[in-house]
Amino acid sequence: AIAIGVLSHIVIDMIFHEKDIQLSPFSATPVWGLGILDYPWLNFA
């Protein structure tokens, strides 16, 4: 349950963030993020 809780954060952020979620600290690409934060009212809804 705790491990799922930890992983839930990055999964959710990959949906809402810009393309700033890297695969690892050791590689600048690929990056993920649907960019919903760029649309405030959609993000809020």
All heavy atoms as atom14 arrays in JSON, in Angstrom:
{
  "sequence": "AIAIGVLSHIVIDMIFHEKDIQLSPFSATPVWGLGILDYPWLNFA",
  "atom14_mask": [
    [1, 1, 1, 1, 1, 0, 0, 0, 0, 0, 0, 0, 0, 0],
    [1, 1, 1, 1, 1, 1, 1, 1, 0, 0, 0, 0, 0, 0],
    [1, 1, 1, 1, 1, 0, 0, 0, 0, 0, 0, 0, 0, 0],
    [1, 1, 1, 1, 1, 1, 1, 1, 0, 0, 0, 0, 0, 0],
    [1, 1, 1, 1, 0, 0, 0, 0, 0, 0, 0, 0, 0, 0],
    [1, 1, 1, 1, 1, 1, 1, 0, 0, 0, 0, 0, 0, 0],
    [1, 1, 1, 1, 1, 1, 1, 1, 0, 0, 0, 0, 0, 0],
    [1, 1, 1, 1, 1, 1, 0, 0, 0, 0, 0, 0, 0, 0],
    [1, 1, 1, 1, 1, 1, 1, 1, 1, 1, 0, 0, 0, 0],
    [1, 1, 1, 1, 1, 1, 1, 1, 0, 0, 0, 0, 0, 0],
    [1, 1, 1, 1, 1, 1, 1, 0, 0, 0, 0, 0, 0, 0],
    [1, 1, 1, 1, 1, 1, 1, 1, 0, 0, 0, 0, 0, 0],
    [1, 1, 1, 1, 1, 1, 1, 1, 0, 0, 0, 0, 0, 0],
    [1, 1, 1, 1, 1, 1, 1, 1, 0, 0, 0, 0, 0, 0],
    [1, 1, 1, 1, 1, 1, 1, 1, 0, 0, 0, 0, 0, 0],
    [1, 1, 1, 1, 1, 1, 1, 1, 1, 1, 1, 0, 0, 0],
    [1, 1, 1, 1, 1, 1, 1, 1, 1, 1, 0, 0, 0, 0],
    [1, 1, 1, 1, 1, 1, 1, 1, 1, 0, 0, 0, 0, 0],
    [1, 1, 1, 1, 1, 1, 1, 1, 1, 0, 0, 0, 0, 0],
    [1, 1, 1, 1, 1, 1, 1, 1, 0, 0, 0, 0, 0, 0],
    [1, 1, 1, 1, 1, 1, 1, 1, 0, 0, 0, 0, 0, 0],
    [1, 1, 1, 1, 1, 1, 1, 1, 1, 0, 0, 0, 0, 0],
    [1, 1, 1, 1, 1, 1, 1, 1, 0, 0, 0, 0, 0, 0],
    [1, 1, 1, 1, 1, 1, 0, 0, 0, 0, 0, 0, 0, 0],
    [1, 1, 1, 1, 1, 1, 1, 0, 0, 0, 0, 0, 0, 0],
    [1, 1, 1, 1, 1, 1, 1, 1, 1, 1, 1, 0, 0, 0],
    [1, 1, 1, 1, 1, 1, 0, 0, 0, 0, 0, 0, 0, 0],
    [1, 1, 1, 1, 1, 0, 0, 0, 0, 0, 0, 0, 0, 0],
    [1, 1, 1, 1, 1, 1, 1, 0, 0, 0, 0, 0, 0, 0],
    [1, 1, 1, 1, 1, 1, 1, 0, 0, 0, 0, 0, 0, 0],
    [1, 1, 1, 1, 1, 1, 1, 0, 0, 0, 0, 0, 0, 0],
    [1, 1, 1, 1, 1, 1, 1, 1, 1, 1, 1, 1, 1, 1],
    [1, 1, 1, 1, 0, 0, 0, 0, 0, 0, 0, 0, 0, 0],
    [1, 1, 1, 1, 1, 1, 1, 1, 0, 0, 0, 0, 0, 0],
    [1, 1, 1, 1, 0, 0, 0, 0, 0, 0, 0, 0, 0, 0],
    [1, 1, 1, 1, 1, 1, 1, 1, 0, 0, 0, 0, 0, 0],
    [1, 1, 1, 1, 1, 1, 1, 1, 0, 0, 0, 0, 0, 0],
    [1, 1, 1, 1, 1, 1, 1, 1, 0, 0, 0, 0, 0, 0],
    [1, 1, 1, 1, 1, 1, 1, 1, 1, 1, 1, 1, 0, 0],
    [1, 1, 1, 1, 1, 1, 1, 0, 0, 0, 0, 0, 0, 0],
    [1, 1, 1, 1, 1, 1, 1, 1, 1, 1, 1, 1, 1, 1],
    [1, 1, 1, 1, 1, 1, 1, 1, 0, 0, 0, 0, 0, 0],
    [1, 1, 1, 1, 1, 1, 1, 1, 0, 0, 0, 0, 0, 0],
    [1, 1, 1, 1, 1, 1, 1, 1, 1, 1, 1, 0, 0, 0],
    [1, 1, 1, 1, 1, 0, 0, 0, 0, 0, 0, 0, 0, 0]
  ],
  "atom14_positions": [
    [[0.83, -1.22, 0.0], [0.0, 0.0, 0.0], [0.86, 1.26, 0.0], [0.59, 2.22, -0.74], [-0.93, 0.0, 1.21], [0.0, 0.0, 0.0], [0.0, 0.0, 0.0], [0.0, 0.0, 0.0], [0.0, 0.0, 0.0], [0.0, 0.0, 0.0], [0.0, 0.0, 0.0], [0.0, 0.0, 0.0], [0.0, 0.0, 0.0], [0.0, 0.0, 0.0]],
    [[1.91, 1.26, 0.81], [2.8, 2.42, 0.88], [3.55, 2.6, -0.43], [3.7, 3.74, -0.93], [3.79, 2.27, 2.06], [3.05, 2.22, 3.39], [4.82, 3.39, 2.04], [2.21, 3.46, 3.69], [0.0, 0.0, 0.0], [0.0, 0.0, 0.0], [0.0, 0.0, 0.0], [0.0, 0.0, 0.0], [0.0, 0.0, 0.0], [0.0, 0.0, 0.0]],
    [[4.03, 1.53, -1.02], [4.74, 1.62, -2.3], [3.82, 2.16, -3.4], [4.24, 3.0, -4.21], [5.29, 0.25, -2.69], [0.0, 0.0, 0.0], [0.0, 0.0, 0.0], [0.0, 0.0, 0.0], [0.0, 0.0, 0.0], [0.0, 0.0, 0.0], [0.0, 0.0, 0.0], [0.0, 0.0, 0.0], [0.0, 0.0, 0.0], [0.0, 0.0, 0.0]],
    [[2.58, 1.72, -3.41], [1.61, 2.24, -4.38], [1.39, 3.73, -4.15], [1.3, 4.52, -5.11], [0.28, 1.47, -4.27], [0.46, 0.05, -4.81], [-0.83, 2.18, -5.04], [-0.73, -0.85, -4.58], [0.0, 0.0, 0.0], [0.0, 0.0, 0.0], [0.0, 0.0, 0.0], [0.0, 0.0, 0.0], [0.0, 0.0, 0.0], [0.0, 0.0, 0.0]],
    [[1.31, 4.14, -2.88], [1.16, 5.56, -2.57], [2.3, 6.39, -3.13], [2.08, 7.46, -3.72], [0.0, 0.0, 0.0], [0.0, 0.0, 0.0], [0.0, 0.0, 0.0], [0.0, 0.0, 0.0], [0.0, 0.0, 0.0], [0.0, 0.0, 0.0], [0.0, 0.0, 0.0], [0.0, 0.0, 0.0], [0.0, 0.0, 0.0], [0.0, 0.0, 0.0]],
    [[3.52, 5.9, -2.95], [4.69, 6.63, -3.47], [4.62, 6.74, -4.99], [4.82, 7.82, -5.56], [5.99, 5.93, -3.03], [7.2, 6.59, -3.7], [6.14, 5.96, -1.51], [0.0, 0.0, 0.0], [0.0, 0.0, 0.0], [0.0, 0.0, 0.0], [0.0, 0.0, 0.0], [0.0, 0.0, 0.0], [0.0, 0.0, 0.0], [0.0, 0.0, 0.0]],
    [[4.33, 5.63, -5.65], [4.29, 5.63, -7.12], [3.13, 6.47, -7.66], [3.23, 7.0, -8.77], [4.19, 4.2, -7.64], [5.44, 3.33, -7.48], [5.16, 1.91, -7.91], [6.6, 3.91, -8.29], [0.0, 0.0, 0.0], [0.0, 0.0, 0.0], [0.0, 0.0, 0.0], [0.0, 0.0, 0.0], [0.0, 0.0, 0.0], [0.0, 0.0, 0.0]],
    [[2.04, 6.56, -6.9], [0.88, 7.32, -7.38], [1.24, 8.76, -7.68], [0.69, 9.36, -8.61], [-0.25, 7.28, -6.35], [0.04, 8.11, -5.22], [0.0, 0.0, 0.0], [0.0, 0.0, 0.0], [0.0, 0.0, 0.0], [0.0, 0.0, 0.0], [0.0, 0.0, 0.0], [0.0, 0.0, 0.0], [0.0, 0.0, 0.0], [0.0, 0.0, 0.0]],
    [[2.18, 9.31, -6.93], [2.53, 10.72, -7.1], [3.12, 10.98, -8.49], [2.71, 11.91, -9.18], [3.52, 11.16, -6.02], [3.71, 12.63, -5.96], [3.14, 13.43, -4.99], [4.4, 13.49, -6.77], [3.46, 14.69, -5.21], [4.23, 14.75, -6.27], [0.0, 0.0, 0.0], [0.0, 0.0, 0.0], [0.0, 0.0, 0.0], [0.0, 0.0, 0.0]],
    [[4.06, 10.14, -8.88], [4.71, 10.38, -10.17], [3.76, 10.08, -11.32], [3.78, 10.76, -12.36], [6.01, 9.55, -10.29], [6.93, 10.11, -11.4], [5.73, 8.09, -10.55], [7.56, 11.42, -11.06], [0.0, 0.0, 0.0], [0.0, 0.0, 0.0], [0.0, 0.0, 0.0], [0.0, 0.0, 0.0], [0.0, 0.0, 0.0], [0.0, 0.0, 0.0]],
    [[2.89, 9.09, -11.16], [1.92, 8.76, -12.22], [0.98, 9.94, -12.44], [0.72, 10.36, -13.57], [1.13, 7.49, -11.85], [-0.02, 7.28, -12.83], [2.05, 6.27, -11.85], [0.0, 0.0, 0.0], [0.0, 0.0, 0.0], [0.0, 0.0, 0.0], [0.0, 0.0, 0.0], [0.0, 0.0, 0.0], [0.0, 0.0, 0.0], [0.0, 0.0, 0.0]],
    [[0.46, 10.5, -11.35], [-0.45, 11.64, -11.46], [0.26, 12.86, -12.04], [-0.28, 13.56, -12.9], [-1.06, 11.97, -10.09], [-2.02, 10.85, -9.66], [-1.79, 13.31, -10.12], [-2.5, 10.96, -8.24], [0.0, 0.0, 0.0], [0.0, 0.0, 0.0], [0.0, 0.0, 0.0], [0.0, 0.0, 0.0], [0.0, 0.0, 0.0], [0.0, 0.0, 0.0]],
    [[1.49, 13.1, -11.59], [2.23, 14.27, -12.09], [2.56, 14.14, -13.57], [2.66, 15.14, -14.28], [3.51, 14.48, -11.28], [3.26, 15.22, -9.99], [2.09, 15.57, -9.72], [4.22, 15.45, -9.23], [0.0, 0.0, 0.0], [0.0, 0.0, 0.0], [0.0, 0.0, 0.0], [0.0, 0.0, 0.0], [0.0, 0.0, 0.0], [0.0, 0.0, 0.0]],
    [[2.73, 12.93, -14.06], [2.99, 12.75, -15.5], [1.77, 13.16, -16.32], [1.91, 13.53, -17.49], [3.35, 11.29, -15.79], [4.74, 10.92, -15.33], [5.09, 9.14, -15.45], [5.12, 8.93, -17.22], [0.0, 0.0, 0.0], [0.0, 0.0, 0.0], [0.0, 0.0, 0.0], [0.0, 0.0, 0.0], [0.0, 0.0, 0.0], [0.0, 0.0, 0.0]],
    [[0.6, 13.15, -15.73], [-0.61, 13.59, -16.41], [-0.72, 15.12, -16.39], [-1.04, 15.73, -17.41], [-1.85, 12.96, -15.76], [-1.82, 11.43, -15.93], [-3.14, 13.54, -16.36], [-2.9, 10.7, -15.14], [0.0, 0.0, 0.0], [0.0, 0.0, 0.0], [0.0, 0.0, 0.0], [0.0, 0.0, 0.0], [0.0, 0.0, 0.0], [0.0, 0.0, 0.0]],
    [[-0.4, 15.73, -15.27], [-0.66, 17.16, -15.11], [0.53, 18.05, -15.45], [0.34, 19.18, -15.89], [-1.12, 17.44, -13.67], [-2.54, 17.02, -13.41], [-2.83, 15.75, -12.98], [-3.59, 17.9, -13.64], [-4.14, 15.34, -12.76], [-4.9, 17.52, -13.42], [-5.18, 16.24, -12.98], [0.0, 0.0, 0.0], [0.0, 0.0, 0.0], [0.0, 0.0, 0.0]],
    [[1.75, 17.57, -15.27], [2.93, 18.4, -15.5], [3.15, 18.7, -16.98], [2.63, 18.02, -17.86], [4.18, 17.69, -14.98], [4.43, 17.9, -13.53], [5.7, 18.06, -13.01], [3.59, 17.98, -12.47], [5.64, 18.21, -11.7], [4.36, 18.16, -11.34], [0.0, 0.0, 0.0], [0.0, 0.0, 0.0], [0.0, 0.0, 0.0], [0.0, 0.0, 0.0]],
    [[4.0, 19.71, -17.2], [4.58, 19.88, -18.52], [5.53, 18.7, -18.77], [5.69, 17.83, -17.92], [5.38, 21.19, -18.58], [4.56, 22.43, -18.34], [5.43, 23.68, -18.31], [6.41, 23.71, -17.54], [5.12, 24.6, -19.07], [0.0, 0.0, 0.0], [0.0, 0.0, 0.0], [0.0, 0.0, 0.0], [0.0, 0.0, 0.0], [0.0, 0.0, 0.0]],
    [[6.18, 18.69, -19.92], [7.14, 17.62, -20.21], [8.4, 17.86, -19.38], [9.4, 18.39, -19.86], [7.46, 17.58, -21.7], [6.33, 17.02, -22.56], [6.76, 16.88, -24.02], [5.65, 16.28, -24.87], [5.31, 14.89, -24.49], [0.0, 0.0, 0.0], [0.0, 0.0, 0.0], [0.0, 0.0, 0.0], [0.0, 0.0, 0.0], [0.0, 0.0, 0.0]],
    [[8.35, 17.46, -18.12], [9.49, 17.66, -17.23], [9.78, 16.43, -16.36], [10.64, 16.47, -15.5], [9.28, 18.9, -16.34], [7.96, 18.88, -15.58], [7.45, 17.78, -15.31], [7.44, 19.97, -15.27], [0.0, 0.0, 0.0], [0.0, 0.0, 0.0], [0.0, 0.0, 0.0], [0.0, 0.0, 0.0], [0.0, 0.0, 0.0], [0.0, 0.0, 0.0]],
    [[9.04, 15.34, -16.6], [9.28, 14.11, -15.84], [10.24, 13.22, -16.63], [9.88, 12.64, -17.64], [7.97, 13.35, -15.57], [6.93, 14.25, -14.91], [8.24, 12.11, -14.72], [7.28, 14.72, -13.53], [0.0, 0.0, 0.0], [0.0, 0.0, 0.0], [0.0, 0.0, 0.0], [0.0, 0.0, 0.0], [0.0, 0.0, 0.0], [0.0, 0.0, 0.0]],
    [[11.48, 13.14, -16.15], [12.49, 12.33, -16.85], [12.38, 10.86, -16.47], [11.83, 10.51, -15.42], [13.89, 12.84, -16.49], [14.17, 14.25, -16.95], [15.56, 14.73, -16.56], [15.81, 15.92, -16.51], [16.47, 13.8, -16.28], [0.0, 0.0, 0.0], [0.0, 0.0, 0.0], [0.0, 0.0, 0.0], [0.0, 0.0, 0.0], [0.0, 0.0, 0.0]],
    [[12.93, 10.03, -17.33], [13.01, 8.61, -17.01], [13.93, 8.38, -15.83], [13.63, 7.59, -14.93], [13.51, 7.82, -18.23], [13.7, 6.31, -18.02], [12.37, 5.64, -17.66], [14.29, 5.67, -19.27], [0.0, 0.0, 0.0], [0.0, 0.0, 0.0], [0.0, 0.0, 0.0], [0.0, 0.0, 0.0], [0.0, 0.0, 0.0], [0.0, 0.0, 0.0]],
    [[15.07, 9.09, -15.82], [16.02, 8.96, -14.71], [16.85, 10.24, -14.62], [16.86, 11.05, -15.56], [16.95, 7.76, -14.95], [17.98, 8.1, -15.87], [0.0, 0.0, 0.0], [0.0, 0.0, 0.0], [0.0, 0.0, 0.0], [0.0, 0.0, 0.0], [0.0, 0.0, 0.0], [0.0, 0.0, 0.0], [0.0, 0.0, 0.0], [0.0, 0.0, 0.0]],
    [[17.55, 10.44, -13.5], [18.43, 11.61, -13.38], [19.63, 11.56, -14.31], [20.33, 12.55, -14.48], [18.91, 11.55, -11.91], [17.98, 10.62, -11.23], [17.53, 9.64, -12.27], [0.0, 0.0, 0.0], [0.0, 0.0, 0.0], [0.0, 0.0, 0.0], [0.0, 0.0, 0.0], [0.0, 0.0, 0.0], [0.0, 0.0, 0.0], [0.0, 0.0, 0.0]],
    [[19.85, 10.4, -14.92], [21.05, 10.19, -15.72], [20.84, 10.44, -17.21], [21.76, 10.28, -18.0], [21.57, 8.77, -15.49], [21.56, 8.35, -14.05], [20.69, 7.37, -13.6], [22.41, 8.96, -13.13], [20.66, 6.99, -12.28], [22.39, 8.59, -11.8], [21.51, 7.6, -11.37], [0.0, 0.0, 0.0], [0.0, 0.0, 0.0], [0.0, 0.0, 0.0]],
    [[19.62, 10.81, -17.59], [19.32, 11.04, -19.0], [18.29, 12.14, -19.12], [17.25, 12.11, -18.45], [18.8, 9.76, -19.65], [18.38, 10.01, -20.98], [0.0, 0.0, 0.0], [0.0, 0.0, 0.0], [0.0, 0.0, 0.0], [0.0, 0.0, 0.0], [0.0, 0.0, 0.0], [0.0, 0.0, 0.0], [0.0, 0.0, 0.0], [0.0, 0.0, 0.0]],
    [[18.57, 13.13, -19.97], [17.64, 14.25, -20.15], [16.42, 13.88, -20.98], [15.43, 14.6, -21.0], [18.37, 15.42, -20.81], [0.0, 0.0, 0.0], [0.0, 0.0, 0.0], [0.0, 0.0, 0.0], [0.0, 0.0, 0.0], [0.0, 0.0, 0.0], [0.0, 0.0, 0.0], [0.0, 0.0, 0.0], [0.0, 0.0, 0.0], [0.0, 0.0, 0.0]],
    [[16.5, 12.77, -21.68], [15.37, 12.28, -22.48], [15.21, 10.78, -22.23], [16.2, 10.1, -21.88], [15.59, 12.53, -23.98], [16.81, 11.89, -24.39], [15.65, 14.02, -24.28], [0.0, 0.0, 0.0], [0.0, 0.0, 0.0], [0.0, 0.0, 0.0], [0.0, 0.0, 0.0], [0.0, 0.0, 0.0], [0.0, 0.0, 0.0], [0.0, 0.0, 0.0]],
    [[14.01, 10.24, -22.38], [12.76, 10.94, -22.72], [12.17, 11.67, -21.52], [12.57, 11.42, -20.38], [11.86, 9.78, -23.16], [12.33, 8.62, -22.32], [13.82, 8.79, -22.21], [0.0, 0.0, 0.0], [0.0, 0.0, 0.0], [0.0, 0.0, 0.0], [0.0, 0.0, 0.0], [0.0, 0.0, 0.0], [0.0, 0.0, 0.0], [0.0, 0.0, 0.0]],
    [[11.24, 12.56, -21.79], [10.52, 13.26, -20.73], [9.02, 13.13, -21.01], [8.6, 13.02, -22.15], [10.91, 14.75, -20.65], [12.31, 14.92, -20.11], [10.78, 15.43, -22.01], [0.0, 0.0, 0.0], [0.0, 0.0, 0.0], [0.0, 0.0, 0.0], [0.0, 0.0, 0.0], [0.0, 0.0, 0.0], [0.0, 0.0, 0.0], [0.0, 0.0, 0.0]],
    [[8.26, 13.16, -19.92], [6.81, 12.99, -20.04], [6.06, 14.1, -19.33], [6.58, 14.75, -18.42], [6.39, 11.64, -19.47], [6.87, 10.47, -20.25], [6.35, 9.98, -21.42], [7.96, 9.62, -19.93], [7.06, 8.89, -21.84], [8.05, 8.64, -20.95], [8.88, 9.57, -18.88], [9.01, 7.64, -20.94], [9.83, 8.59, -18.87], [9.9, 7.63, -19.89]],
    [[4.83, 14.3, -19.73], [3.94, 15.28, -19.13], [2.93, 15.75, -20.16], [3.33, 16.16, -21.26], [0.0, 0.0, 0.0], [0.0, 0.0, 0.0], [0.0, 0.0, 0.0], [0.0, 0.0, 0.0], [0.0, 0.0, 0.0], [0.0, 0.0, 0.0], [0.0, 0.0, 0.0], [0.0, 0.0, 0.0], [0.0, 0.0, 0.0], [0.0, 0.0, 0.0]],
    [[1.65, 15.67, -19.83], [0.61, 16.08, -20.78], [0.37, 17.58, -20.77], [-0.31, 18.1, -21.65], [-0.71, 15.35, -20.46], [-0.69, 13.83, -20.63], [-2.06, 13.25, -20.32], [-0.25, 13.44, -22.04], [0.0, 0.0, 0.0], [0.0, 0.0, 0.0], [0.0, 0.0, 0.0], [0.0, 0.0, 0.0], [0.0, 0.0, 0.0], [0.0, 0.0, 0.0]],
    [[0.91, 18.28, -19.77], [0.82, 19.75, -19.78], [-0.53, 20.32, -19.39], [-0.85, 21.45, -19.76], [0.0, 0.0, 0.0], [0.0, 0.0, 0.0], [0.0, 0.0, 0.0], [0.0, 0.0, 0.0], [0.0, 0.0, 0.0], [0.0, 0.0, 0.0], [0.0, 0.0, 0.0], [0.0, 0.0, 0.0], [0.0, 0.0, 0.0], [0.0, 0.0, 0.0]],
    [[-1.32, 19.58, -18.63], [-2.63, 20.1, -18.22], [-2.49, 21.35, -17.36], [-3.36, 22.22, -17.39], [-3.43, 18.99, -17.5], [-3.81, 17.9, -18.5], [-4.68, 19.54, -16.82], [-4.48, 16.69, -17.89], [0.0, 0.0, 0.0], [0.0, 0.0, 0.0], [0.0, 0.0, 0.0], [0.0, 0.0, 0.0], [0.0, 0.0, 0.0], [0.0, 0.0, 0.0]],
    [[-1.39, 21.46, -16.64], [-1.16, 22.66, -15.82], [-1.14, 23.94, -16.65], [-1.36, 25.04, -16.12], [0.16, 22.53, -15.05], [0.16, 21.61, -13.83], [1.58, 21.41, -13.32], [-0.71, 22.17, -12.73], [0.0, 0.0, 0.0], [0.0, 0.0, 0.0], [0.0, 0.0, 0.0], [0.0, 0.0, 0.0], [0.0, 0.0, 0.0], [0.0, 0.0, 0.0]],
    [[-0.89, 23.83, -17.94], [-0.87, 25.01, -18.81], [-2.26, 25.54, -19.09], [-2.4, 26.62, -19.67], [-0.18, 24.67, -20.14], [1.32, 24.49, -19.98], [1.88, 25.05, -19.01], [1.93, 23.79, -20.81], [0.0, 0.0, 0.0], [0.0, 0.0, 0.0], [0.0, 0.0, 0.0], [0.0, 0.0, 0.0], [0.0, 0.0, 0.0], [0.0, 0.0, 0.0]],
    [[-3.29, 24.8, -18.71], [-4.68, 25.2, -18.94], [-5.39, 25.25, -17.59], [-6.03, 24.27, -17.18], [-5.36, 24.21, -19.89], [-4.59, 24.02, -21.18], [-3.66, 22.98, -21.31], [-4.77, 24.9, -22.25], [-2.95, 22.82, -22.49], [-4.06, 24.74, -23.43], [-3.15, 23.7, -23.54], [-2.44, 23.54, -24.7], [0.0, 0.0, 0.0], [0.0, 0.0, 0.0]],
    [[-5.27, 26.39, -16.89], [-5.68, 26.46, -15.48], [-7.11, 26.01, -15.19], [-7.34, 25.3, -14.22], [-5.49, 27.95, -15.14], [-4.45, 28.42, -16.1], [-4.68, 27.66, -17.36], [0.0, 0.0, 0.0], [0.0, 0.0, 0.0], [0.0, 0.0, 0.0], [0.0, 0.0, 0.0], [0.0, 0.0, 0.0], [0.0, 0.0, 0.0], [0.0, 0.0, 0.0]],
    [[-8.06, 26.41, -16.02], [-9.44, 26.04, -15.73], [-9.69, 24.56, -15.97], [-10.44, 23.91, -15.22], [-10.42, 26.9, -16.54], [-10.52, 28.3, -16.0], [-10.03, 29.43, -16.56], [-11.13, 28.69, -14.76], [-10.29, 30.52, -15.75], [-10.96, 30.09, -14.65], [-11.79, 28.01, -13.75], [-11.45, 30.81, -13.55], [-12.27, 28.72, -12.66], [-12.1, 30.11, -12.57]],
    [[-9.06, 23.99, -16.98], [-9.14, 22.55, -17.19], [-8.47, 21.82, -16.05], [-8.99, 20.82, -15.53], [-8.49, 22.18, -18.52], [-8.39, 20.68, -18.83], [-9.78, 20.05, -18.9], [-7.6, 20.44, -20.11], [0.0, 0.0, 0.0], [0.0, 0.0, 0.0], [0.0, 0.0, 0.0], [0.0, 0.0, 0.0], [0.0, 0.0, 0.0], [0.0, 0.0, 0.0]],
    [[-7.32, 22.33, -15.65], [-6.6, 21.74, -14.53], [-7.47, 21.76, -13.27], [-7.58, 20.74, -12.57], [-5.3, 22.53, -14.29], [-4.48, 21.96, -13.15], [-4.37, 20.76, -12.99], [-3.89, 22.83, -12.35], [0.0, 0.0, 0.0], [0.0, 0.0, 0.0], [0.0, 0.0, 0.0], [0.0, 0.0, 0.0], [0.0, 0.0, 0.0], [0.0, 0.0, 0.0]],
    [[-8.08, 22.9, -13.0], [-8.95, 23.01, -11.82], [-10.09, 22.02, -11.89], [-10.4, 21.32, -10.91], [-9.5, 24.43, -11.7], [-10.54, 24.57, -10.63], [-10.19, 24.62, -9.29], [-11.89, 24.63, -10.97], [-11.15, 24.73, -8.3], [-12.87, 24.74, -9.98], [-12.49, 24.8, -8.64], [0.0, 0.0, 0.0], [0.0, 0.0, 0.0], [0.0, 0.0, 0.0]],
    [[-10.75, 21.93, -13.05], [-11.91, 21.04, -13.19], [-11.52, 19.58, -12.98], [-12.21, 18.84, -12.26], [-12.53, 21.22, -14.58], [0.0, 0.0, 0.0], [0.0, 0.0, 0.0], [0.0, 0.0, 0.0], [0.0, 0.0, 0.0], [0.0, 0.0, 0.0], [0.0, 0.0, 0.0], [0.0, 0.0, 0.0], [0.0, 0.0, 0.0], [0.0, 0.0, 0.0]]
  ]
}
